Protein backbone atom coordinates (compact mmCIF):
# COMPACT_ATOMS: atom_id res chain seq x y z
CA UNK A 1 2.76 5.91 47.84
CA UNK A 2 2.62 2.26 46.89
CA UNK A 3 1.38 1.45 43.37
CA UNK A 4 -0.61 -1.60 42.40
CA UNK A 5 1.16 -3.83 39.82
CA UNK A 6 -1.29 -2.79 37.05
CA UNK A 7 -0.64 0.91 37.74
CA UNK A 8 3.12 0.34 37.70
CA UNK A 9 2.81 -1.52 34.39
CA UNK A 10 0.98 1.41 32.83
CA UNK A 11 3.68 3.82 34.01
CA UNK A 12 6.42 1.56 32.64
CA UNK A 13 4.65 1.37 29.27
CA UNK A 14 4.29 5.15 29.21
CA UNK A 15 8.02 5.57 29.85
CA UNK A 16 8.79 2.99 27.14
CA UNK A 17 6.80 5.01 24.64
CA UNK A 18 8.30 8.37 25.53
CA UNK A 19 11.27 8.23 23.10
CA UNK A 20 8.87 7.65 20.18
CA UNK A 21 6.55 10.40 21.32
CA UNK A 22 9.47 12.83 21.62
CA UNK A 23 10.64 11.98 18.09
CA UNK A 24 11.18 15.36 16.47
CA UNK A 25 9.15 16.03 13.34
CA UNK A 26 11.42 17.15 10.50
CA UNK A 27 10.65 19.61 7.73
CA UNK A 28 12.80 17.82 5.15
CA UNK A 29 14.03 14.35 4.22
CA UNK A 30 17.41 13.64 5.84
CA UNK A 31 19.85 10.84 4.97
CA UNK A 32 18.14 8.35 7.28
CA UNK A 33 14.70 9.22 5.86
CA UNK A 34 15.90 8.87 2.27
CA UNK A 35 17.49 5.48 2.99
CA UNK A 36 14.38 4.27 4.84
CA UNK A 37 12.02 5.38 2.05
CA UNK A 38 14.16 3.81 -0.67
CA UNK A 39 14.26 0.59 1.35
CA UNK A 40 10.49 0.71 1.78
CA UNK A 41 9.96 1.21 -1.96
CA UNK A 42 12.18 -1.83 -2.59
CA UNK A 43 10.22 -3.74 0.03
CA UNK A 44 6.83 -3.05 -1.57
CA UNK A 45 8.15 -3.74 -5.05
CA UNK A 46 9.61 -7.09 -4.03
CA UNK A 47 6.21 -7.90 -2.51
CA UNK A 48 4.64 -7.75 -5.99
CA UNK A 49 6.91 -10.63 -6.98
CA UNK A 50 6.06 -12.49 -3.75
CA UNK A 51 2.33 -12.15 -4.48
CA UNK A 52 2.89 -13.53 -7.99
CA UNK A 53 4.88 -16.51 -6.67
CA UNK A 54 2.48 -17.22 -3.79
CA UNK A 55 -0.38 -17.51 -6.30
CA UNK A 56 1.15 -20.84 -7.34
CA UNK A 57 -0.01 -22.34 -4.04
CA UNK A 58 -3.04 -20.28 -3.05
CA UNK A 59 -5.80 -18.83 -5.19
CA UNK A 60 -5.41 -15.02 -5.36
CA UNK A 61 -8.45 -13.93 -3.34
CA UNK A 62 -7.94 -16.66 -0.74
CA UNK A 63 -4.30 -15.52 -0.38
CA UNK A 64 -5.47 -11.93 0.12
CA UNK A 65 -7.90 -13.10 2.81
CA UNK A 66 -5.27 -15.15 4.62
CA UNK A 67 -2.94 -12.17 4.52
CA UNK A 68 -5.53 -9.87 6.11
CA UNK A 69 -6.42 -12.49 8.74
CA UNK A 70 -2.77 -13.01 9.63
CA UNK A 71 -2.22 -9.26 9.79
CA UNK A 72 -5.05 -8.98 12.34
CA UNK A 73 -3.23 -11.45 14.61
CA UNK A 74 0.15 -9.72 14.22
CA UNK A 75 -1.35 -6.28 14.84
CA UNK A 76 -3.20 -7.46 17.94
CA UNK A 77 0.04 -8.84 19.37
CA UNK A 78 1.95 -5.67 18.46
CA UNK A 79 -0.71 -3.37 19.95
CA UNK A 80 -0.82 -5.47 23.11
CA UNK A 81 2.96 -5.35 23.56
CA UNK A 82 3.08 -1.62 22.87
CA UNK A 83 0.12 -0.84 25.12
CA UNK A 84 -1.87 0.69 22.23
CA UNK A 85 -5.53 1.12 23.13
CA UNK A 86 -8.07 -1.08 21.35
CA UNK A 87 -10.88 1.43 21.93
CA UNK A 88 -12.12 3.24 18.83
CA UNK A 89 -14.44 6.30 18.85
CA UNK A 90 -17.94 5.58 17.57
CA UNK A 91 -17.78 8.37 15.01
CA UNK A 92 -14.81 6.63 13.33
CA UNK A 93 -16.71 3.42 12.58
CA UNK A 94 -18.25 4.63 9.31
CA UNK A 95 -14.88 5.69 7.86
CA UNK A 96 -13.20 2.54 9.18
CA UNK A 97 -15.75 0.18 7.67
CA UNK A 98 -15.70 2.05 4.36
CA UNK A 99 -11.88 1.90 4.29
CA UNK A 100 -12.06 -1.84 5.04
CA UNK A 101 -14.48 -2.42 2.15
CA UNK A 102 -12.23 -0.49 -0.23
CA UNK A 103 -9.23 -2.43 1.09
CA UNK A 104 -11.00 -5.74 0.35
CA UNK A 105 -11.90 -4.69 -3.19
CA UNK A 106 -8.42 -3.23 -3.80
CA UNK A 107 -6.61 -6.46 -3.01
CA UNK A 108 -9.19 -8.66 -4.72
CA UNK A 109 -8.39 -6.73 -7.89
CA UNK A 110 -4.63 -6.54 -7.36
CA UNK A 111 -4.08 -10.20 -6.46
CA UNK A 112 -6.12 -11.39 -9.45
CA UNK A 113 -4.32 -8.88 -11.71
CA UNK A 114 -0.91 -10.19 -10.62
CA UNK A 115 -2.12 -13.75 -11.23
CA UNK A 116 -3.13 -13.18 -14.85
CA UNK A 117 -0.71 -10.50 -16.05
CA UNK A 118 2.94 -9.62 -15.49
CA UNK A 119 4.31 -7.89 -12.41
CA UNK A 120 5.74 -5.12 -14.61
CA UNK A 121 2.41 -4.27 -16.28
CA UNK A 122 0.33 -4.50 -13.11
CA UNK A 123 2.81 -2.42 -11.09
CA UNK A 124 3.08 0.42 -13.61
CA UNK A 125 -0.71 0.75 -13.59
CA UNK A 126 -1.22 0.12 -9.85
CA UNK A 127 1.37 2.69 -8.75
CA UNK A 128 -0.41 5.39 -10.75
CA UNK A 129 -2.47 5.95 -7.58
CA UNK A 130 -0.91 9.40 -6.81
CA UNK A 131 -2.22 10.59 -10.19
CA UNK A 132 -5.85 9.87 -9.34
CA UNK A 133 -5.38 11.13 -5.79
CA UNK A 134 -3.99 14.44 -7.07
CA UNK A 135 -7.00 14.86 -9.38
CA UNK A 136 -9.46 14.21 -6.56
CA UNK A 137 -7.53 16.41 -4.10
CA UNK A 138 -7.75 19.29 -6.58
CA UNK A 139 -11.54 19.13 -6.33
CA UNK A 140 -11.97 18.17 -2.67
CA UNK A 141 -9.19 19.99 -0.79
CA UNK A 142 -8.91 23.80 -1.15
CA UNK A 143 -5.17 23.95 -0.37
CA UNK A 144 -4.15 21.28 -2.87
CA UNK A 145 -4.96 22.76 -6.27
CA UNK A 146 -3.01 21.62 -9.28
CA UNK A 147 0.00 23.75 -10.19
CA UNK A 148 1.59 23.94 -13.63
CA UNK A 149 4.24 21.42 -12.60
CA UNK A 150 1.61 19.01 -11.26
CA UNK A 151 -0.42 19.31 -14.48
CA UNK A 152 2.68 18.38 -16.49
CA UNK A 153 3.21 15.44 -14.12
CA UNK A 154 -0.42 14.34 -14.48
CA UNK A 155 -0.23 14.43 -18.27
CA UNK A 156 3.00 12.44 -18.26
CA UNK A 157 1.73 9.82 -15.82
CA UNK A 158 -1.65 9.41 -17.51
CA UNK A 159 0.11 9.06 -20.87
CA UNK A 160 2.22 6.30 -19.34
CA UNK A 161 -0.85 4.46 -18.04
CA UNK A 162 -2.53 4.81 -21.46
CA UNK A 163 0.61 3.46 -23.16
CA UNK A 164 0.68 0.46 -20.83
CA UNK A 165 -3.02 -0.24 -21.39
CA UNK A 166 -2.84 0.07 -25.17
CA UNK A 167 0.25 -2.12 -25.58
CA UNK A 168 -1.02 -5.63 -26.33
CA UNK A 169 2.21 -7.07 -27.73
CA UNK A 170 4.17 -7.70 -24.53
CA UNK A 171 4.14 -11.15 -22.93
CA UNK A 172 1.09 -12.21 -20.87
CA UNK A 173 -0.78 -8.96 -21.63
CA UNK A 174 -4.34 -9.13 -20.31
CA UNK A 175 -7.09 -6.54 -20.59
CA UNK A 176 -8.73 -8.01 -17.50
CA UNK A 177 -5.50 -7.83 -15.51
CA UNK A 178 -4.80 -4.27 -16.63
CA UNK A 179 -8.29 -3.03 -15.73
CA UNK A 180 -8.18 -4.80 -12.36
CA UNK A 181 -4.82 -3.17 -11.58
CA UNK A 182 -6.34 0.21 -12.45
CA UNK A 183 -9.35 -0.48 -10.21
CA UNK A 184 -7.01 -1.36 -7.33
CA UNK A 185 -5.23 1.99 -7.82
CA UNK A 186 -8.60 3.78 -7.63
CA UNK A 187 -9.43 1.94 -4.40
CA UNK A 188 -6.06 2.85 -2.89
CA UNK A 189 -6.73 6.52 -3.62
CA UNK A 190 -10.22 6.08 -2.15
CA UNK A 191 -8.79 4.76 1.11
CA UNK A 192 -6.54 7.82 1.43
CA UNK A 193 -9.54 10.10 0.84
CA UNK A 194 -11.60 8.09 3.31
CA UNK A 195 -8.98 8.62 6.01
CA UNK A 196 -8.76 12.34 5.30
CA UNK A 197 -12.46 13.11 4.89
CA UNK A 198 -13.93 11.10 7.76
CA UNK A 199 -13.38 10.89 11.51
CA UNK A 200 -11.01 8.01 10.83
CA UNK A 201 -8.31 10.71 10.56
CA UNK A 202 -8.52 11.12 14.36
CA UNK A 203 -7.68 7.44 14.94
CA UNK A 204 -4.03 6.32 15.48
CA UNK A 205 -2.36 4.62 12.47
CA UNK A 206 -2.35 1.15 14.04
CA UNK A 207 -6.11 1.28 14.54
CA UNK A 208 -6.64 2.60 10.99
CA UNK A 209 -4.72 -0.38 9.66
CA UNK A 210 -6.60 -2.73 11.99
CA UNK A 211 -9.91 -1.50 10.56
CA UNK A 212 -8.75 -2.27 7.03
CA UNK A 213 -7.45 -5.78 7.66
CA UNK A 214 -10.19 -6.77 10.16
CA UNK A 215 -13.04 -5.72 7.83
CA UNK A 216 -11.42 -7.14 4.69
CA UNK A 217 -10.40 -10.55 6.11
CA UNK A 218 -13.89 -12.12 6.45
CA UNK A 219 -15.08 -10.59 3.18
CA UNK A 220 -12.12 -11.94 1.20
CA UNK A 221 -12.32 -15.40 2.80
CA UNK A 222 -16.09 -15.62 2.14
CA UNK A 223 -15.87 -14.67 -1.54
CA UNK A 224 -12.66 -16.65 -2.23
CA UNK A 225 -14.53 -19.89 -3.24
CA UNK A 226 -16.21 -17.92 -6.03
CA UNK A 227 -12.84 -17.65 -7.79
CA UNK A 228 -11.98 -21.33 -8.01
CA UNK A 229 -10.20 -23.87 -5.77
CA UNK A 230 -8.63 -22.29 -2.70
CA UNK A 231 -5.47 -24.42 -2.75
CA UNK A 232 -3.34 -25.02 -5.83
CA UNK A 233 -0.01 -26.87 -5.91
CA UNK A 234 1.14 -25.67 -2.51
CA UNK A 235 4.88 -25.85 -1.72
CA UNK A 236 7.08 -24.51 1.13
CA UNK A 237 7.97 -21.44 -0.95
CA UNK A 238 4.29 -20.48 -1.09
CA UNK A 239 3.91 -20.75 2.68
CA UNK A 240 7.07 -18.67 3.15
CA UNK A 241 5.67 -16.09 0.74
CA UNK A 242 2.44 -15.89 2.70
CA UNK A 243 4.34 -15.43 5.97
CA UNK A 244 6.38 -12.65 4.38
CA UNK A 245 3.24 -10.84 3.24
CA UNK A 246 1.56 -11.14 6.64
CA UNK A 247 4.47 -10.10 8.84
CA UNK A 248 6.72 -7.95 6.68
CA UNK A 249 4.11 -6.15 4.56
CA UNK A 250 0.48 -6.17 5.66
CA UNK A 251 1.18 -5.42 9.32
CA UNK A 252 4.67 -4.30 10.37
CA UNK A 253 5.57 -2.89 6.94
CA UNK A 254 2.64 -0.49 6.84
CA UNK A 255 3.26 0.49 10.47
CA UNK A 256 6.75 1.60 9.46
CA UNK A 257 5.20 3.63 6.63
CA UNK A 258 2.83 5.36 9.05
CA UNK A 259 5.78 6.04 11.36
CA UNK A 260 7.74 7.69 8.54
CA UNK A 261 4.68 9.78 7.66
CA UNK A 262 4.61 11.08 11.24
CA UNK A 263 8.28 12.15 11.16
CA UNK A 264 8.65 13.60 7.64
CA UNK A 265 6.41 15.85 5.50
CA UNK A 266 3.73 13.81 3.70
CA UNK A 267 4.52 15.40 0.34
CA UNK A 268 8.21 14.55 0.65
CA UNK A 269 7.43 10.97 1.67
CA UNK A 270 5.01 10.62 -1.24
CA UNK A 271 7.65 11.82 -3.71
CA UNK A 272 9.52 8.54 -3.19
CA UNK A 273 6.52 6.58 -4.48
CA UNK A 274 7.83 7.02 -8.04
CA UNK A 275 10.52 4.47 -7.19
CA UNK A 276 8.05 1.63 -6.55
CA UNK A 277 6.99 0.97 -10.17
CA UNK A 278 10.63 1.26 -11.25
CA UNK A 279 11.77 -1.38 -8.78
CA UNK A 280 8.74 -3.60 -9.54
CA UNK A 281 9.50 -3.73 -13.24
CA UNK A 282 13.18 -4.47 -12.55
CA UNK A 283 12.29 -7.25 -10.06
CA UNK A 284 9.82 -8.80 -12.50
CA UNK A 285 12.48 -8.79 -15.19
CA UNK A 286 15.31 -10.11 -12.98
CA UNK A 287 13.52 -12.58 -10.71
CA UNK A 288 10.66 -13.82 -12.89
CA UNK A 289 12.34 -13.47 -16.31
CA UNK A 290 9.38 -11.43 -17.51
CA UNK A 291 9.53 -10.04 -21.01
CA UNK A 292 9.36 -6.25 -20.72
CA UNK A 293 8.48 -4.64 -24.04
CA UNK A 294 9.95 -1.23 -24.97
CA UNK A 295 6.49 0.29 -24.61
CA UNK A 296 6.30 -0.88 -20.98
CA UNK A 297 9.71 0.68 -20.25
CA UNK A 298 8.39 3.88 -21.87
CA UNK A 299 5.22 3.74 -19.77
CA UNK A 300 7.35 3.23 -16.67
CA UNK A 301 9.44 6.34 -17.39
CA UNK A 302 6.32 8.45 -17.98
CA UNK A 303 4.50 7.24 -14.85
CA UNK A 304 7.55 7.53 -12.57
CA UNK A 305 8.37 11.01 -13.89
CA UNK A 306 4.76 12.11 -13.51
CA UNK A 307 4.51 10.90 -9.92
CA UNK A 308 7.74 12.71 -9.08
CA UNK A 309 6.49 15.99 -10.57
CA UNK A 310 3.12 15.65 -8.83
CA UNK A 311 4.75 15.29 -5.43
CA UNK A 312 7.70 17.66 -5.91
CA UNK A 313 7.76 20.51 -3.45
CA UNK A 314 7.92 23.97 -5.07
CA UNK A 315 11.12 25.91 -4.44
CA UNK A 316 10.71 29.02 -2.34
């Protein structure tokens, strides 16, 4: 039987996707998974420095809007090349729009926080997200009650956040920046809950991400003038930083994260999140010559240890 060119193209795309679809789901983190997750934690941590540097050329909220807009374009191209459907079920629209609104508020807060405080302080507070998610999951999800180990982790991590907030002696400390970083962590946890509690959970990862960047882009660009001039002293390094955020983080980077979540257990993947604040503080110190007070190092140890305990799988 002769196939029309469009039919043949669909079959070819289906065959091209088969290796990914046959990817075996693993019940533990292997060497490749550990290396990939460590690399991803480094990637996200380096991005905190990139955001800080890019703010020298673009105002924070305008930069966040450009990043979301650019991510929409990259995702559309990627979905087109991969043959991913653009159709979204009607019952997923509420969750998608809500996730997009939270995404817009999250990065409004985070980009401003990184503009007015240090990368080390903002990162320690921002990456406390698993703490707040664990507290909410205890109430909302029957199978995810807090164990004794998780309670110890929560106490440690929350003590670290409190220590970071109360320390006002380190360089460029800002109450506004600290509170905004904390708000962005709350929004991040809210997006995770939104995905799990609404019909958005039935939507493929690429479409979930598309919802977030497509809804947030116009909102961020519309409100950006409220936060001062859109363009500062723009230089090539700022344009390169924006391109890095669009391509390597906001679109393809998060797609890799979703891919890892599909292969490895979510709890095991999440346990590597404790590395992100560690790497962020080190990058801020090495690349930006930020002064990191002893109290911030102490807060970092408490938060990282707490996140690890929260996500550690119990031994059977």
